[in-house]
Every structure is written in structure tokens, then in C-alpha cells.
Amino acid sequence: MQLWHVTFATEYSTNLYVDADAVKLVKRLDGFPLALTTAGAYLKQAAISFSDYLRLYETSWAKLQKTSPELSSYEDWTLYSTWQISFMRIE
């Protein structure tokens, strides 16, 4: 896990803080670089919070388990879940 994924500087301060929901997201995505990149791009474009993204991710994960049982690995589920969130935003 790279520090830039979870560390953010406030606009008016040089103090850095670690966003707890960012840490949860990195852990939930198991540090998979492509999943983190996909999530990061979505977060930047949609301007939503990490906690909101986590809720979207959990919903996407549950939906894919019901509709795409052919996905066999945890990595597949993780990546497809992040892609599904982005795809839904495009639609």
C-alpha cells in the first residue's frame, strides 16, 4: 500500500492526516493497483467521499455476486466491482 493512496493534505494546513475511510477502501480493495487506480479516478471525477465510494463498492460487489457467478477469483470480483461503479456513472 502506497502512502499517497491514503494520505491527504488539507488546503490551509501543512499538517497531513490519514482518512480512515481511505484506509478502509485500500484494505477492501486489497491494495490491487488497477482497482485502486479505477477507484481513485472515480473519486476524483465524481467528487464523492471515501465512505460513499465504499457503499457503492459494497453494492456493486453484492450485485455482481448475484449476476456474474462465473467470476472465479477474489481479484476478479474486486476489479469488476470497481469497473461496474464507473460504468454505472457513464450510463
PDB file of N, CA and C in Angstrom:
ATOM      1  N   MET A   1       0.858  -1.166   0.000  1.00  0.00           N
ATOM      2  CA  MET A   1       0.000   0.000   0.000  1.00  0.00           C
ATOM      3  C   MET A   1       0.904   1.228   0.000  1.00  0.00           C
ATOM      4  N   GLN A   2       0.686   2.105  -0.948  1.00  0.00           N
ATOM      5  CA  GLN A   2       1.483   3.314  -1.005  1.00  0.00           C
ATOM      6  C   GLN A   2       0.809   4.409  -0.197  1.00  0.00           C
ATOM      7  N   LEU A   3       1.621   5.238   0.433  1.00  0.00           N
ATOM      8  CA  LEU A   3       1.110   6.274   1.303  1.00  0.00           C
ATOM      9  C   LEU A   3       0.213   7.254   0.569  1.00  0.00           C
ATOM     10  N   TRP A   4       0.487   7.552  -0.703  1.00  0.00           N
ATOM     11  CA  TRP A   4      -0.320   8.548  -1.408  1.00  0.00           C
ATOM     12  C   TRP A   4      -1.753   8.102  -1.598  1.00  0.00           C
ATOM     13  N   HIS A   5      -2.024   6.841  -1.472  1.00  0.00           N
ATOM     14  CA  HIS A   5      -3.400   6.361  -1.583  1.00  0.00           C
ATOM     15  C   HIS A   5      -4.248   6.773  -0.383  1.00  0.00           C
ATOM     16  N   VAL A   6      -3.629   6.998   0.747  1.00  0.00           N
ATOM     17  CA  VAL A   6      -4.408   7.241   1.955  1.00  0.00           C
ATOM     18  C   VAL A   6      -4.066   8.529   2.687  1.00  0.00           C
ATOM     19  N   THR A   7      -3.087   9.272   2.228  1.00  0.00           N
ATOM     20  CA  THR A   7      -2.682  10.481   2.928  1.00  0.00           C
ATOM     21  C   THR A   7      -3.084  11.704   2.124  1.00  0.00           C
ATOM     22  N   PHE A   8      -3.682  12.659   2.802  1.00  0.00           N
ATOM     23  CA  PHE A   8      -4.184  13.843   2.125  1.00  0.00           C
ATOM     24  C   PHE A   8      -3.818  15.081   2.914  1.00  0.00           C
ATOM     25  N   ALA A   9      -3.453  16.122   2.228  1.00  0.00           N
ATOM     26  CA  ALA A   9      -3.124  17.383   2.889  1.00  0.00           C
ATOM     27  C   ALA A   9      -4.340  18.285   2.857  1.00  0.00           C
ATOM     28  N   THR A  10      -4.567  18.968   3.959  1.00  0.00           N
ATOM     29  CA  THR A  10      -5.659  19.934   3.968  1.00  0.00           C
ATOM     30  C   THR A  10      -5.234  21.169   3.202  1.00  0.00           C
ATOM     31  N   GLU A  11      -6.183  21.910   2.694  1.00  0.00           N
ATOM     32  CA  GLU A  11      -5.897  23.064   1.850  1.00  0.00           C
ATOM     33  C   GLU A  11      -5.178  24.166   2.613  1.00  0.00           C
ATOM     34  N   TYR A  12      -5.511  24.373   3.872  1.00  0.00           N
ATOM     35  CA  TYR A  12      -4.989  25.503   4.627  1.00  0.00           C
ATOM     36  C   TYR A  12      -3.931  25.118   5.647  1.00  0.00           C
ATOM     37  N   SER A  13      -3.436  23.931   5.565  1.00  0.00           N
ATOM     38  CA  SER A  13      -2.503  23.471   6.579  1.00  0.00           C
ATOM     39  C   SER A  13      -1.437  22.593   5.945  1.00  0.00           C
ATOM     40  N   THR A  14      -0.289  22.576   6.535  1.00  0.00           N
ATOM     41  CA  THR A  14       0.749  21.656   6.092  1.00  0.00           C
ATOM     42  C   THR A  14       0.658  20.337   6.848  1.00  0.00           C
ATOM     43  N   ASN A  15      -0.255  20.260   7.811  1.00  0.00           N
ATOM     44  CA  ASN A  15      -0.447  19.011   8.553  1.00  0.00           C
ATOM     45  C   ASN A  15      -1.086  17.978   7.639  1.00  0.00           C
ATOM     46  N   LEU A  16      -0.602  16.774   7.730  1.00  0.00           N
ATOM     47  CA  LEU A  16      -1.179  15.674   6.970  1.00  0.00           C
ATOM     48  C   LEU A  16      -2.022  14.824   7.903  1.00  0.00           C
ATOM     49  N   TYR A  17      -3.067  14.241   7.355  1.00  0.00           N
ATOM     50  CA  TYR A  17      -3.874  13.328   8.143  1.00  0.00           C
ATOM     51  C   TYR A  17      -4.208  12.114   7.296  1.00  0.00           C
ATOM     52  N   VAL A  18      -4.518  11.041   7.942  1.00  0.00           N
ATOM     53  CA  VAL A  18      -4.896   9.820   7.251  1.00  0.00           C
ATOM     54  C   VAL A  18      -6.403   9.681   7.375  1.00  0.00           C
ATOM     55  N   ASP A  19      -7.076   9.623   6.255  1.00  0.00           N
ATOM     56  CA  ASP A  19      -8.522   9.469   6.224  1.00  0.00           C
ATOM     57  C   ASP A  19      -8.855   8.003   6.504  1.00  0.00           C
ATOM     58  N   ALA A  20      -9.581   7.744   7.565  1.00  0.00           N
ATOM     59  CA  ALA A  20      -9.896   6.365   7.976  1.00  0.00           C
ATOM     60  C   ALA A  20     -10.653   5.612   6.890  1.00  0.00           C
ATOM     61  N   ASP A  21     -11.549   6.300   6.187  1.00  0.00           N
ATOM     62  CA  ASP A  21     -12.297   5.632   5.125  1.00  0.00           C
ATOM     63  C   ASP A  21     -11.406   5.315   3.921  1.00  0.00           C
ATOM     64  N   ALA A  22     -10.393   6.130   3.690  1.00  0.00           N
ATOM     65  CA  ALA A  22      -9.433   5.835   2.623  1.00  0.00           C
ATOM     66  C   ALA A  22      -8.663   4.564   2.955  1.00  0.00           C
ATOM     67  N   VAL A  23      -8.283   4.424   4.206  1.00  0.00           N
ATOM     68  CA  VAL A  23      -7.584   3.220   4.646  1.00  0.00           C
ATOM     69  C   VAL A  23      -8.493   2.004   4.480  1.00  0.00           C
ATOM     70  N   LYS A  24      -9.755   2.143   4.855  1.00  0.00           N
ATOM     71  CA  LYS A  24     -10.714   1.040   4.695  1.00  0.00           C
ATOM     72  C   LYS A  24     -10.839   0.638   3.229  1.00  0.00           C
ATOM     73  N   LEU A  25     -10.880   1.648   2.347  1.00  0.00           N
ATOM     74  CA  LEU A  25     -11.013   1.355   0.919  1.00  0.00           C
ATOM     75  C   LEU A  25      -9.786   0.615   0.397  1.00  0.00           C
ATOM     76  N   VAL A  26      -8.612   1.074   0.757  1.00  0.00           N
ATOM     77  CA  VAL A  26      -7.390   0.396   0.312  1.00  0.00           C
ATOM     78  C   VAL A  26      -7.375  -1.043   0.808  1.00  0.00           C
ATOM     79  N   LYS A  27      -7.781  -1.262   2.041  1.00  0.00           N
ATOM     80  CA  LYS A  27      -7.835  -2.624   2.583  1.00  0.00           C
ATOM     81  C   LYS A  27      -8.897  -3.452   1.871  1.00  0.00           C
ATOM     82  N   ARG A  28     -10.051  -2.849   1.629  1.00  0.00           N
ATOM     83  CA  ARG A  28     -11.147  -3.579   0.974  1.00  0.00           C
ATOM     84  C   ARG A  28     -10.764  -3.998  -0.443  1.00  0.00           C
ATOM     85  N   LEU A  29      -9.985  -3.152  -1.113  1.00  0.00           N
ATOM     86  CA  LEU A  29      -9.519  -3.470  -2.465  1.00  0.00           C
ATOM     87  C   LEU A  29      -8.225  -4.279  -2.437  1.00  0.00           C
ATOM     88  N   ASP A  30      -7.801  -4.671  -1.260  1.00  0.00           N
ATOM     89  CA  ASP A  30      -6.599  -5.485  -1.044  1.00  0.00           C
ATOM     90  C   ASP A  30      -5.357  -4.909  -1.706  1.00  0.00           C
ATOM     91  N   GLY A  31      -5.330  -3.602  -1.886  1.00  0.00           N
ATOM     92  CA  GLY A  31      -4.154  -2.963  -2.459  1.00  0.00           C
ATOM     93  C   GLY A  31      -3.926  -3.270  -3.928  1.00  0.00           C
ATOM     94  N   PHE A  32      -4.915  -3.857  -4.610  1.00  0.00           N
ATOM     95  CA  PHE A  32      -4.758  -4.169  -6.033  1.00  0.00           C
ATOM     96  C   PHE A  32      -4.583  -2.872  -6.814  1.00  0.00           C
ATOM     97  N   PRO A  33      -3.443  -2.688  -7.479  1.00  0.00           N
ATOM     98  CA  PRO A  33      -3.157  -1.412  -8.138  1.00  0.00           C
ATOM     99  C   PRO A  33      -4.216  -0.973  -9.152  1.00  0.00           C
ATOM    100  N   LEU A  34      -4.699  -1.865  -9.997  1.00  0.00           N
ATOM    101  CA  LEU A  34      -5.680  -1.456 -11.000  1.00  0.00           C
ATOM    102  C   LEU A  34      -7.012  -1.090 -10.355  1.00  0.00           C
ATOM    103  N   ALA A  35      -7.418  -1.819  -9.346  1.00  0.00           N
ATOM    104  CA  ALA A  35      -8.656  -1.493  -8.630  1.00  0.00           C
ATOM    105  C   ALA A  35      -8.519  -0.153  -7.916  1.00  0.00           C
ATOM    106  N   LEU A  36      -7.358   0.097  -7.305  1.00  0.00           N
ATOM    107  CA  LEU A  36      -7.127   1.381  -6.637  1.00  0.00           C
ATOM    108  C   LEU A  36      -7.112   2.532  -7.635  1.00  0.00           C
ATOM    109  N   THR A  37      -6.516   2.311  -8.782  1.00  0.00           N
ATOM    110  CA  THR A  37      -6.478   3.347  -9.814  1.00  0.00           C
ATOM    111  C   THR A  37      -7.875   3.649 -10.328  1.00  0.00           C
ATOM    112  N   THR A  38      -8.657   2.611 -10.562  1.00  0.00           N
ATOM    113  CA  THR A  38     -10.033   2.788 -11.024  1.00  0.00           C
ATOM    114  C   THR A  38     -10.853   3.543  -9.986  1.00  0.00           C
ATOM    115  N   ALA A  39     -10.729   3.144  -8.742  1.00  0.00           N
ATOM    116  CA  ALA A  39     -11.455   3.814  -7.658  1.00  0.00           C
ATOM    117  C   ALA A  39     -11.001   5.268  -7.522  1.00  0.00           C
ATOM    118  N   GLY A  40      -9.703   5.505  -7.597  1.00  0.00           N
ATOM    119  CA  GLY A  40      -9.175   6.858  -7.482  1.00  0.00           C
ATOM    120  C   GLY A  40      -9.662   7.773  -8.584  1.00  0.00           C
ATOM    121  N   ALA A  41      -9.707   7.264  -9.802  1.00  0.00           N
ATOM    122  CA  ALA A  41     -10.209   8.059 -10.922  1.00  0.00           C
ATOM    123  C   ALA A  41     -11.683   8.404 -10.721  1.00  0.00           C
ATOM    124  N   TYR A  42     -12.440   7.438 -10.239  1.00  0.00           N
ATOM    125  CA  TYR A  42     -13.860   7.695  -9.983  1.00  0.00           C
ATOM    126  C   TYR A  42     -14.035   8.733  -8.882  1.00  0.00           C
ATOM    127  N   LEU A  43     -13.284   8.580  -7.808  1.00  0.00           N
ATOM    128  CA  LEU A  43     -13.375   9.522  -6.693  1.00  0.00           C
ATOM    129  C   LEU A  43     -13.049  10.941  -7.148  1.00  0.00           C
ATOM    130  N   LYS A  44     -12.073  11.064  -8.000  1.00  0.00           N
ATOM    131  CA  LYS A  44     -11.679  12.388  -8.485  1.00  0.00           C
ATOM    132  C   LYS A  44     -12.764  12.996  -9.376  1.00  0.00           C
ATOM    133  N   GLN A  45     -13.296  12.198 -10.287  1.00  0.00           N
ATOM    134  CA  GLN A  45     -14.301  12.698 -11.226  1.00  0.00           C
ATOM    135  C   GLN A  45     -15.649  12.958 -10.570  1.00  0.00           C
ATOM    136  N   ALA A  46     -16.040  12.088  -9.670  1.00  0.00           N
ATOM    137  CA  ALA A  46     -17.370  12.196  -9.051  1.00  0.00           C
ATOM    138  C   ALA A  46     -17.367  13.108  -7.835  1.00  0.00           C
ATOM    139  N   ALA A  47     -16.187  13.395  -7.321  1.00  0.00           N
ATOM    140  CA  ALA A  47     -16.054  14.246  -6.132  1.00  0.00           C
ATOM    141  C   ALA A  47     -16.943  13.753  -4.984  1.00  0.00           C
ATOM    142  N   ILE A  48     -16.813  12.457  -4.669  1.00  0.00           N
ATOM    143  CA  ILE A  48     -17.560  11.881  -3.554  1.00  0.00           C
ATOM    144  C   ILE A  48     -16.582  11.478  -2.460  1.00  0.00           C
ATOM    145  N   SER A  49     -17.095  11.183  -1.305  1.00  0.00           N
ATOM    146  CA  SER A  49     -16.253  10.799  -0.174  1.00  0.00           C
ATOM    147  C   SER A  49     -15.851   9.327  -0.280  1.00  0.00           C
ATOM    148  N   PHE A  50     -14.828   8.972   0.470  1.00  0.00           N
ATOM    149  CA  PHE A  50     -14.409   7.578   0.517  1.00  0.00           C
ATOM    150  C   PHE A  50     -15.513   6.700   1.087  1.00  0.00           C
ATOM    151  N   SER A  51     -16.230   7.194   2.091  1.00  0.00           N
ATOM    152  CA  SER A  51     -17.307   6.388   2.676  1.00  0.00           C
ATOM    153  C   SER A  51     -18.424   6.168   1.662  1.00  0.00           C
ATOM    154  N   ASP A  52     -18.733   7.175   0.844  1.00  0.00           N
ATOM    155  CA  ASP A  52     -19.745   6.998  -0.206  1.00  0.00           C
ATOM    156  C   ASP A  52     -19.276   5.976  -1.238  1.00  0.00           C
ATOM    157  N   TYR A  53     -18.002   6.041  -1.602  1.00  0.00           N
ATOM    158  CA  TYR A  53     -17.478   5.073  -2.563  1.00  0.00           C
ATOM    159  C   TYR A  53     -17.521   3.669  -1.980  1.00  0.00           C
ATOM    160  N   LEU A  54     -17.184   3.528  -0.713  1.00  0.00           N
ATOM    161  CA  LEU A  54     -17.246   2.207  -0.079  1.00  0.00           C
ATOM    162  C   LEU A  54     -18.651   1.625  -0.151  1.00  0.00           C
ATOM    163  N   ARG A  55     -19.669   2.466   0.054  1.00  0.00           N
ATOM    164  CA  ARG A  55     -21.059   1.991  -0.056  1.00  0.00           C
ATOM    165  C   ARG A  55     -21.359   1.554  -1.491  1.00  0.00           C
ATOM    166  N   LEU A  56     -20.922   2.339  -2.466  1.00  0.00           N
ATOM    167  CA  LEU A  56     -21.113   1.956  -3.869  1.00  0.00           C
ATOM    168  C   LEU A  56     -20.407   0.637  -4.173  1.00  0.00           C
ATOM    169  N   TYR A  57     -19.206   0.487  -3.639  1.00  0.00           N
ATOM    170  CA  TYR A  57     -18.431  -0.719  -3.865  1.00  0.00           C
ATOM    171  C   TYR A  57     -19.133  -1.948  -3.288  1.00  0.00           C
ATOM    172  N   GLU A  58     -19.610  -1.837  -2.078  1.00  0.00           N
ATOM    173  CA  GLU A  58     -20.294  -2.969  -1.447  1.00  0.00           C
ATOM    174  C   GLU A  58     -21.559  -3.347  -2.229  1.00  0.00           C
ATOM    175  N   THR A  59     -22.282  -2.346  -2.712  1.00  0.00           N
ATOM    176  CA  THR A  59     -23.474  -2.608  -3.526  1.00  0.00           C
ATOM    177  C   THR A  59     -23.093  -3.292  -4.831  1.00  0.00           C
ATOM    178  N   SER A  60     -22.053  -2.794  -5.480  1.00  0.00           N
ATOM    179  CA  SER A  60     -21.584  -3.386  -6.728  1.00  0.00           C
ATOM    180  C   SER A  60     -21.118  -4.820  -6.506  1.00  0.00           C
ATOM    181  N   TRP A  61     -20.389  -5.044  -5.427  1.00  0.00           N
ATOM    182  CA  TRP A  61     -19.895  -6.384  -5.090  1.00  0.00           C
ATOM    183  C   TRP A  61     -21.068  -7.362  -4.946  1.00  0.00           C
ATOM    184  N   ALA A  62     -22.082  -6.964  -4.188  1.00  0.00           N
ATOM    185  CA  ALA A  62     -23.242  -7.834  -3.962  1.00  0.00           C
ATOM    186  C   ALA A  62     -23.991  -8.105  -5.263  1.00  0.00           C
ATOM    187  N   LYS A  63     -24.158  -7.077  -6.086  1.00  0.00           N
ATOM    188  CA  LYS A  63     -24.862  -7.237  -7.359  1.00  0.00           C
ATOM    189  C   LYS A  63     -24.112  -8.199  -8.283  1.00  0.00           C
ATOM    190  N   LEU A  64     -22.808  -8.053  -8.363  1.00  0.00           N
ATOM    191  CA  LEU A  64     -22.026  -8.935  -9.229  1.00  0.00           C
ATOM    192  C   LEU A  64     -22.042 -10.380  -8.754  1.00  0.00           C
ATOM    193  N   GLN A  65     -22.108 -10.599  -7.457  1.00  0.00           N
ATOM    194  CA  GLN A  65     -22.177 -11.971  -6.956  1.00  0.00           C
ATOM    195  C   GLN A  65     -23.451 -12.658  -7.416  1.00  0.00           C
ATOM    196  N   LYS A  66     -24.519 -11.883  -7.535  1.00  0.00           N
ATOM    197  CA  LYS A  66     -25.793 -12.449  -7.974  1.00  0.00           C
ATOM    198  C   LYS A  66     -25.858 -12.610  -9.494  1.00  0.00           C
ATOM    199  N   THR A  67     -25.275 -11.660 -10.211  1.00  0.00           N
ATOM    200  CA  THR A  67     -25.447 -11.645 -11.666  1.00  0.00           C
ATOM    201  C   THR A  67     -24.285 -12.246 -12.438  1.00  0.00           C
ATOM    202  N   SER A  68     -23.143 -12.423 -11.815  1.00  0.00           N
ATOM    203  CA  SER A  68     -21.958 -12.923 -12.523  1.00  0.00           C
ATOM    204  C   SER A  68     -21.238 -13.998 -11.714  1.00  0.00           C
ATOM    205  N   PRO A  69     -21.903 -15.113 -11.475  1.00  0.00           N
ATOM    206  CA  PRO A  69     -21.271 -16.152 -10.651  1.00  0.00           C
ATOM    207  C   PRO A  69     -20.057 -16.804 -11.310  1.00  0.00           C
ATOM    208  N   GLU A  70     -19.861 -16.560 -12.626  1.00  0.00           N
ATOM    209  CA  GLU A  70     -18.732 -17.174 -13.313  1.00  0.00           C
ATOM    210  C   GLU A  70     -17.382 -16.550 -12.941  1.00  0.00           C
ATOM    211  N   LEU A  71     -17.403 -15.409 -12.282  1.00  0.00           N
ATOM    212  CA  LEU A  71     -16.145 -14.833 -11.808  1.00  0.00           C
ATOM    213  C   LEU A  71     -15.594 -15.748 -10.722  1.00  0.00           C
ATOM    214  N   SER A  72     -14.369 -16.164 -10.898  1.00  0.00           N
ATOM    215  CA  SER A  72     -13.871 -17.218 -10.010  1.00  0.00           C
ATOM    216  C   SER A  72     -12.930 -16.744  -8.908  1.00  0.00           C
ATOM    217  N   SER A  73     -12.278 -15.624  -9.094  1.00  0.00           N
ATOM    218  CA  SER A  73     -11.292 -15.245  -8.087  1.00  0.00           C
ATOM    219  C   SER A  73     -11.695 -13.964  -7.360  1.00  0.00           C
ATOM    220  N   TYR A  74     -11.148 -13.814  -6.186  1.00  0.00           N
ATOM    221  CA  TYR A  74     -11.378 -12.611  -5.393  1.00  0.00           C
ATOM    222  C   TYR A  74     -10.904 -11.380  -6.160  1.00  0.00           C
ATOM    223  N   GLU A  75      -9.777 -11.513  -6.850  1.00  0.00           N
ATOM    224  CA  GLU A  75      -9.245 -10.406  -7.634  1.00  0.00           C
ATOM    225  C   GLU A  75     -10.220  -9.995  -8.726  1.00  0.00           C
ATOM    226  N   ASP A  76     -10.829 -10.977  -9.395  1.00  0.00           N
ATOM    227  CA  ASP A  76     -11.825 -10.667 -10.428  1.00  0.00           C
ATOM    228  C   ASP A  76     -13.002  -9.899  -9.842  1.00  0.00           C
ATOM    229  N   TRP A  77     -13.498 -10.359  -8.696  1.00  0.00           N
ATOM    230  CA  TRP A  77     -14.635  -9.689  -8.060  1.00  0.00           C
ATOM    231  C   TRP A  77     -14.288  -8.241  -7.719  1.00  0.00           C
ATOM    232  N   THR A  78     -13.092  -8.058  -7.182  1.00  0.00           N
ATOM    233  CA  THR A  78     -12.660  -6.725  -6.771  1.00  0.00           C
ATOM    234  C   THR A  78     -12.569  -5.788  -7.967  1.00  0.00           C
ATOM    235  N   LEU A  79     -11.902  -6.232  -9.015  1.00  0.00           N
ATOM    236  CA  LEU A  79     -11.726  -5.379 -10.185  1.00  0.00           C
ATOM    237  C   LEU A  79     -13.045  -5.117 -10.892  1.00  0.00           C
ATOM    238  N   TYR A  80     -13.843  -6.132 -11.088  1.00  0.00           N
ATOM    239  CA  TYR A  80     -15.135  -5.943 -11.759  1.00  0.00           C
ATOM    240  C   TYR A  80     -16.060  -5.037 -10.947  1.00  0.00           C
ATOM    241  N   SER A  81     -15.967  -5.113  -9.638  1.00  0.00           N
ATOM    242  CA  SER A  81     -16.798  -4.239  -8.802  1.00  0.00           C
ATOM    243  C   SER A  81     -16.436  -2.774  -9.009  1.00  0.00           C
ATOM    244  N   THR A  82     -15.133  -2.465  -9.078  1.00  0.00           N
ATOM    245  CA  THR A  82     -14.730  -1.070  -9.314  1.00  0.00           C
ATOM    246  C   THR A  82     -15.102  -0.632 -10.721  1.00  0.00           C
ATOM    247  N   TRP A  83     -14.958  -1.507 -11.688  1.00  0.00           N
ATOM    248  CA  TRP A  83     -15.347  -1.164 -13.063  1.00  0.00           C
ATOM    249  C   TRP A  83     -16.846  -0.921 -13.158  1.00  0.00           C
ATOM    250  N   GLN A  84     -17.627  -1.744 -12.472  1.00  0.00           N
ATOM    251  CA  GLN A  84     -19.082  -1.615 -12.504  1.00  0.00           C
ATOM    252  C   GLN A  84     -19.522  -0.246 -11.982  1.00  0.00           C
ATOM    253  N   ILE A  85     -18.888   0.235 -10.943  1.00  0.00           N
ATOM    254  CA  ILE A  85     -19.222   1.553 -10.386  1.00  0.00           C
ATOM    255  C   ILE A  85     -18.971   2.629 -11.443  1.00  0.00           C
ATOM    256  N   SER A  86     -17.827   2.554 -12.105  1.00  0.00           N
ATOM    257  CA  SER A  86     -17.511   3.544 -13.155  1.00  0.00           C
ATOM    258  C   SER A  86     -18.478   3.439 -14.320  1.00  0.00           C
ATOM    259  N   PHE A  87     -18.788   2.232 -14.715  1.00  0.00           N
ATOM    260  CA  PHE A  87     -19.706   2.023 -15.837  1.00  0.00           C
ATOM    261  C   PHE A  87     -21.097   2.595 -15.523  1.00  0.00           C
ATOM    262  N   MET A  88     -21.567   2.372 -14.308  1.00  0.00           N
ATOM    263  CA  MET A  88     -22.873   2.888 -13.925  1.00  0.00           C
ATOM    264  C   MET A  88     -22.896   4.417 -13.972  1.00  0.00           C
ATOM    265  N   ARG A  89     -21.798   5.047 -13.672  1.00  0.00           N
ATOM    266  CA  ARG A  89     -21.733   6.507 -13.730  1.00  0.00           C
ATOM    267  C   ARG A  89     -21.808   7.003 -15.172  1.00  0.00           C
ATOM    268  N   ILE A  90     -21.197   6.264 -16.086  1.00  0.00           N
ATOM    269  CA  ILE A  90     -21.205   6.636 -17.505  1.00  0.00           C
ATOM    270  C   ILE A  90     -22.612   6.513 -18.082  1.00  0.00           C
ATOM    271  N   GLU A  91     -23.326   5.461 -17.663  1.00  0.00           N
ATOM    272  CA  GLU A  91     -24.677   5.237 -18.203  1.00  0.00           C
ATOM    273  C   GLU A  91     -25.584   6.335 -17.866  1.00  0.00           C
TER     274      GLU A  91
END
